């Protein structure tokens, strides 16, 4: 019997970079004999009320080929967690889950969930302030500096492709960076042994299906978007174990896991719930889209 899935993407994030991923996913579904209906998050709206109506009746939909309850799964390639939750409350199986997406999207929540369980850079959360107030003094940096030495990393909790990650070499640098960004953000230990290089491991289910080394001699970040280069990489058992354990702890069905090179042991950098996979496909020849859909079909 043909399995029927719903691919949900963001209506307002339109670029060749993202559209190409959706093509990979729809082509993989066709190859595997899966009916995959592609709609955006603006085609499917949640309704909240005080009535006892079913969740199915609390959704405004358009463009879906069949009633929502008849889909076998939802491939949620977005970060609209409120919509994902509504679909889950209808009884639909959502990949990745709303909880997993929410935790991975917020780097502070990732650190909170994995603290004491996975080796990570020492991390300090910035004190909360209001957007219309900002920081009226920077005394809290005294506490940060007692634990972290310069240079240190300042990282916005929401961001992708390394764009919202900054290196501060002094308090003057830190103040300048903080004054230009908004809460929430955090401070992290700078892993100098991993300057301009890291590993991307692609996890699907309980397997690492592909990996690549990313390097950039001109930047402390290794992201390809920032000018880094990639090459095939054979991960160690310890690196694979770290990636799989982190994904399990966060409830991930699939993810891109970034690992730094510590002096004695691998160090987790971050986890991406909807990781772009074109680069790892170009580097390794592994079709992540097919692996994800094969996993879903076996899981449902």
Protein backbone atom coordinates (compact mmCIF):
# COMPACT_ATOMS: atom_id res chain seq x y z
CA UNK A 1 0.00 0.00 0.00
CA UNK A 2 1.37 3.42 -0.96
CA UNK A 3 2.44 5.51 2.01
CA UNK A 4 1.25 9.10 2.05
CA UNK A 5 3.30 11.90 3.53
CA UNK A 6 3.03 15.64 3.92
CA UNK A 7 6.18 17.73 3.35
CA UNK A 8 5.85 21.07 5.12
CA UNK A 9 8.29 23.88 4.36
CA UNK A 10 8.39 27.58 5.18
CA UNK A 11 6.31 29.81 2.93
CA UNK A 12 8.59 32.81 3.33
CA UNK A 13 12.05 31.25 3.13
CA UNK A 14 12.40 31.19 -0.63
CA UNK A 15 15.77 30.72 -2.30
CA UNK A 16 17.47 28.29 -4.64
CA UNK A 17 19.44 26.94 -1.67
CA UNK A 18 16.29 25.82 0.13
CA UNK A 19 14.19 24.93 -2.91
CA UNK A 20 16.89 22.52 -4.06
CA UNK A 21 16.49 20.51 -0.86
CA UNK A 22 12.76 20.20 -1.38
CA UNK A 23 13.39 18.86 -4.88
CA UNK A 24 15.76 16.23 -3.45
CA UNK A 25 13.08 15.16 -0.96
CA UNK A 26 10.23 14.97 -3.49
CA UNK A 27 12.40 13.11 -5.99
CA UNK A 28 13.46 10.63 -3.31
CA UNK A 29 9.82 10.06 -2.38
CA UNK A 30 8.91 9.38 -6.00
CA UNK A 31 11.78 6.91 -6.34
CA UNK A 32 10.63 5.07 -3.22
CA UNK A 33 6.99 4.99 -4.30
CA UNK A 34 5.81 7.41 -1.61
CA UNK A 35 3.06 9.94 -2.23
CA UNK A 36 4.54 13.17 -0.80
CA UNK A 37 2.29 16.22 -0.86
CA UNK A 38 4.33 19.45 -0.55
CA UNK A 39 2.71 22.46 1.09
CA UNK A 40 3.95 25.45 3.10
CA UNK A 41 3.24 26.49 6.67
CA UNK A 42 0.98 29.28 5.39
CA UNK A 43 -1.24 26.66 3.72
CA UNK A 44 -1.96 25.05 7.09
CA UNK A 45 -2.92 27.24 10.06
CA UNK A 46 -3.63 26.33 13.67
CA UNK A 47 -6.76 27.61 15.41
CA UNK A 48 -6.97 28.00 19.19
CA UNK A 49 -10.31 28.23 20.97
CA UNK A 50 -12.10 27.27 24.14
CA UNK A 51 -14.39 24.77 22.47
CA UNK A 52 -14.14 21.01 22.60
CA UNK A 53 -13.86 20.69 18.83
CA UNK A 54 -11.34 18.13 17.61
CA UNK A 55 -7.90 19.33 16.54
CA UNK A 56 -8.74 18.31 13.02
CA UNK A 57 -11.44 20.99 13.03
CA UNK A 58 -9.01 23.50 14.49
CA UNK A 59 -6.86 23.59 11.36
CA UNK A 60 -7.39 25.86 8.37
CA UNK A 61 -6.03 24.06 5.32
CA UNK A 62 -5.68 24.50 1.60
CA UNK A 63 -3.81 22.66 -1.14
CA UNK A 64 -3.71 19.28 0.65
CA UNK A 65 -4.63 16.46 -1.70
CA UNK A 66 -6.41 14.39 0.96
CA UNK A 67 -7.80 15.02 4.48
CA UNK A 68 -5.04 15.57 7.02
CA UNK A 69 -5.93 12.50 9.09
CA UNK A 70 -5.28 10.27 6.08
CA UNK A 71 -1.57 11.12 5.85
CA UNK A 72 0.76 8.50 7.29
CA UNK A 73 3.41 10.99 8.32
CA UNK A 74 4.55 14.61 8.18
CA UNK A 75 8.09 15.48 7.10
CA UNK A 76 8.39 18.83 8.85
CA UNK A 77 11.16 20.75 7.10
CA UNK A 78 10.52 23.96 8.99
CA UNK A 79 10.83 25.47 12.48
CA UNK A 80 7.19 26.48 12.93
CA UNK A 81 6.94 24.47 16.14
CA UNK A 82 3.43 25.66 16.99
CA UNK A 83 2.14 24.21 13.75
CA UNK A 84 4.10 21.00 14.36
CA UNK A 85 2.52 20.67 17.81
CA UNK A 86 -0.96 21.12 16.37
CA UNK A 87 -0.33 18.32 13.87
CA UNK A 88 0.96 16.04 16.64
CA UNK A 89 -2.15 16.73 18.72
CA UNK A 90 -4.20 15.54 15.75
CA UNK A 91 -2.36 12.22 16.07
CA UNK A 92 -0.03 12.67 13.08
CA UNK A 93 3.56 11.40 13.33
CA UNK A 94 5.85 14.36 12.71
CA UNK A 95 9.53 13.97 11.72
CA UNK A 96 11.38 15.55 13.50
CA UNK A 97 9.08 16.11 16.45
CA UNK A 98 8.12 19.61 17.58
CA UNK A 99 10.08 19.11 20.81
CA UNK A 100 13.23 18.02 18.99
CA UNK A 101 13.04 20.93 16.53
CA UNK A 102 12.47 23.45 19.32
CA UNK A 103 15.45 22.22 21.34
CA UNK A 104 17.82 22.18 18.35
CA UNK A 105 16.66 25.56 17.09
CA UNK A 106 17.58 27.19 20.42
CA UNK A 107 21.24 26.60 21.24
CA UNK A 108 20.67 27.38 24.92
CA UNK A 109 18.04 24.63 25.15
CA UNK A 110 20.43 22.21 23.43
CA UNK A 111 23.11 22.95 26.03
CA UNK A 112 20.57 22.70 28.84
CA UNK A 113 19.34 19.28 27.70
CA UNK A 114 22.82 17.83 27.06
CA UNK A 115 24.69 19.38 29.99
CA UNK A 116 26.52 16.73 32.02
CA UNK A 117 25.76 14.06 29.42
CA UNK A 118 27.73 15.06 26.33
CA UNK A 119 31.14 16.75 26.15
CA UNK A 120 30.55 20.38 25.07
CA UNK A 121 32.45 23.66 25.31
CA UNK A 122 31.99 25.34 28.70
CA UNK A 123 28.95 27.54 28.16
CA UNK A 124 27.50 30.50 30.07
CA UNK A 125 24.06 31.91 29.30
CA UNK A 126 23.85 35.70 28.99
CA UNK A 127 21.53 37.41 31.48
CA UNK A 128 18.05 38.12 30.17
CA UNK A 129 17.20 41.69 29.20
CA UNK A 130 14.34 43.33 27.33
CA UNK A 131 14.57 44.24 23.65
CA UNK A 132 13.68 47.88 24.30
CA UNK A 133 16.21 48.12 27.15
CA UNK A 134 19.33 46.25 26.09
CA UNK A 135 22.25 46.22 28.52
CA UNK A 136 22.80 49.31 30.63
CA UNK A 137 26.03 47.91 32.05
CA UNK A 138 28.37 45.01 31.38
CA UNK A 139 29.32 44.00 34.93
CA UNK A 140 28.17 40.46 34.18
CA UNK A 141 31.26 40.11 31.99
CA UNK A 142 33.30 39.97 35.21
CA UNK A 143 31.61 36.65 35.99
CA UNK A 144 32.03 35.40 32.42
CA UNK A 145 35.73 36.21 32.48
CA UNK A 146 36.30 34.27 35.70
CA UNK A 147 35.27 31.10 33.85
CA UNK A 148 36.20 31.82 30.24
CA UNK A 149 39.41 33.40 29.04
CA UNK A 150 39.77 35.45 25.89
CA UNK A 151 39.38 34.71 23.09
CA UNK A 152 35.86 33.40 23.68
CA UNK A 153 32.84 32.67 21.52
CA UNK A 154 29.64 34.71 21.61
CA UNK A 155 26.80 32.84 19.93
CA UNK A 156 23.23 33.91 19.28
CA UNK A 157 20.81 31.19 20.35
CA UNK A 158 18.99 31.30 17.02
CA UNK A 159 20.99 31.19 13.83
CA UNK A 160 22.32 29.08 10.98
CA UNK A 161 25.37 28.63 8.76
CA UNK A 162 27.69 30.18 11.36
CA UNK A 163 26.43 33.70 10.67
CA UNK A 164 25.45 34.40 14.27
CA UNK A 165 28.70 33.16 15.84
CA UNK A 166 31.37 35.69 16.88
CA UNK A 167 34.90 35.56 18.27
CA UNK A 168 35.77 38.09 20.97
CA UNK A 169 39.46 38.62 21.69
CA UNK A 170 38.97 41.14 24.50
CA UNK A 171 36.33 42.80 26.66
CA UNK A 172 36.21 45.64 24.17
CA UNK A 173 35.38 43.12 21.43
CA UNK A 174 32.77 41.45 23.64
CA UNK A 175 30.99 44.72 24.44
CA UNK A 176 30.97 45.70 20.78
CA UNK A 177 29.47 42.36 19.77
CA UNK A 178 26.89 42.31 22.57
CA UNK A 179 25.74 45.85 21.75
CA UNK A 180 25.04 44.79 18.15
CA UNK A 181 22.97 41.65 18.87
CA UNK A 182 19.84 40.87 20.85
CA UNK A 183 19.11 38.47 23.68
CA UNK A 184 19.12 35.46 23.84
CA UNK A 185 22.79 34.63 23.34
CA UNK A 186 25.48 32.74 25.17
CA UNK A 187 29.21 32.68 25.80
CA UNK A 188 31.33 29.62 25.07
CA UNK A 189 34.85 28.41 25.57
CA UNK A 190 36.89 28.79 22.39
CA UNK A 191 38.28 25.42 21.28
CA UNK A 192 41.51 26.66 19.69
CA UNK A 193 42.55 23.17 18.62
CA UNK A 194 39.57 23.17 16.25
CA UNK A 195 40.14 26.62 14.73
CA UNK A 196 38.68 26.64 11.22
CA UNK A 197 37.87 22.93 11.18
CA UNK A 198 35.10 20.63 12.33
CA UNK A 199 33.23 17.47 11.37
CA UNK A 200 29.68 17.23 10.06
CA UNK A 201 28.09 13.84 10.76
CA UNK A 202 24.72 13.07 9.19
CA UNK A 203 22.62 10.90 11.48
CA UNK A 204 19.47 9.08 10.37
CA UNK A 205 17.84 6.84 12.95
CA UNK A 206 20.53 4.93 14.81
CA UNK A 207 23.19 5.27 12.08
CA UNK A 208 25.77 7.80 10.96
CA UNK A 209 25.19 7.57 7.22
CA UNK A 210 27.75 10.14 6.01
CA UNK A 211 30.44 12.45 7.31
CA UNK A 212 32.73 15.16 6.03
CA UNK A 213 35.56 17.30 7.28
CA UNK A 214 35.09 21.06 6.91
CA UNK A 215 38.10 23.38 6.94
CA UNK A 216 38.67 27.10 6.55
CA UNK A 217 42.19 28.52 6.99
CA UNK A 218 40.84 32.08 6.89
CA UNK A 219 38.13 31.93 9.56
CA UNK A 220 37.63 30.38 13.00
CA UNK A 221 34.35 28.93 11.64
CA UNK A 222 34.50 25.99 9.26
CA UNK A 223 31.05 26.43 7.65
CA UNK A 224 31.03 26.01 3.86
CA UNK A 225 28.80 29.09 3.58
CA UNK A 226 31.59 31.16 5.15
CA UNK A 227 34.13 29.98 2.59
CA UNK A 228 35.12 26.64 4.05
CA UNK A 229 36.01 23.57 1.99
CA UNK A 230 34.94 19.97 2.47
CA UNK A 231 36.43 16.53 2.12
CA UNK A 232 35.36 12.99 2.96
CA UNK A 233 36.06 11.94 6.51
CA UNK A 234 36.14 8.60 8.30
CA UNK A 235 34.80 9.30 11.79
CA UNK A 236 36.11 7.47 14.82
CA UNK A 237 33.92 5.23 16.93
CA UNK A 238 33.98 7.88 19.66
CA UNK A 239 32.79 10.59 17.28
CA UNK A 240 29.97 8.41 15.97
CA UNK A 241 28.94 7.43 19.48
CA UNK A 242 28.80 11.10 20.50
CA UNK A 243 26.62 12.04 17.53
CA UNK A 244 24.21 9.13 18.03
CA UNK A 245 23.93 9.64 21.79
CA UNK A 246 23.27 13.37 21.41
CA UNK A 247 20.54 12.72 18.84
CA UNK A 248 18.94 10.09 21.05
CA UNK A 249 18.94 12.41 24.06
CA UNK A 250 17.22 15.11 22.01
CA UNK A 251 14.74 12.73 20.39
CA UNK A 252 16.01 13.35 16.86
CA UNK A 253 14.96 11.09 14.00
CA UNK A 254 17.60 12.68 11.78
CA UNK A 255 20.08 15.52 12.19
CA UNK A 256 23.34 17.08 11.10
CA UNK A 257 25.75 16.92 14.03
CA UNK A 258 28.79 19.22 14.18
CA UNK A 259 31.75 18.06 16.25
CA UNK A 260 34.89 19.98 17.18
CA UNK A 261 38.40 18.60 17.64
CA UNK A 262 39.29 18.72 21.32
CA UNK A 263 42.88 18.08 22.34
CA UNK A 264 42.02 14.73 23.88
CA UNK A 265 38.42 14.02 22.92
CA UNK A 266 35.75 15.13 20.47
CA UNK A 267 33.57 18.05 21.59
CA UNK A 268 30.00 18.61 20.46
CA UNK A 269 29.44 21.94 18.75
CA UNK A 270 25.76 21.84 17.80
CA UNK A 271 22.95 19.80 16.27
CA UNK A 272 20.85 20.82 13.28
CA UNK A 273 17.32 19.39 13.03
CA UNK A 274 16.85 20.26 9.34
CA UNK A 275 20.44 20.23 8.19
CA UNK A 276 21.16 21.15 4.59
CA UNK A 277 22.49 18.05 2.89
CA UNK A 278 23.51 19.16 -0.59
CA UNK A 279 27.14 19.64 0.43
CA UNK A 280 27.44 16.27 2.14
CA UNK A 281 25.82 14.65 -0.91
CA UNK A 282 28.32 16.39 -3.22
CA UNK A 283 31.18 15.36 -0.94
CA UNK A 284 30.23 11.75 -0.21
CA UNK A 285 27.62 10.72 -2.78
CA UNK A 286 25.23 9.72 0.01
CA UNK A 287 21.65 10.77 -0.73
CA UNK A 288 20.40 11.92 2.66
CA UNK A 289 16.87 12.55 1.35
CA UNK A 290 16.48 8.89 0.40
CA UNK A 291 17.89 7.71 3.73
CA UNK A 292 15.46 9.93 5.68
CA UNK A 293 12.42 8.70 3.76
CA UNK A 294 13.53 5.07 3.95
CA UNK A 295 13.84 5.48 7.73
CA UNK A 296 10.38 7.05 8.03
CA UNK A 297 8.72 4.27 6.01
CA UNK A 298 10.27 1.64 8.28
CA UNK A 299 9.33 3.58 11.40
CA UNK A 300 5.64 4.31 10.78
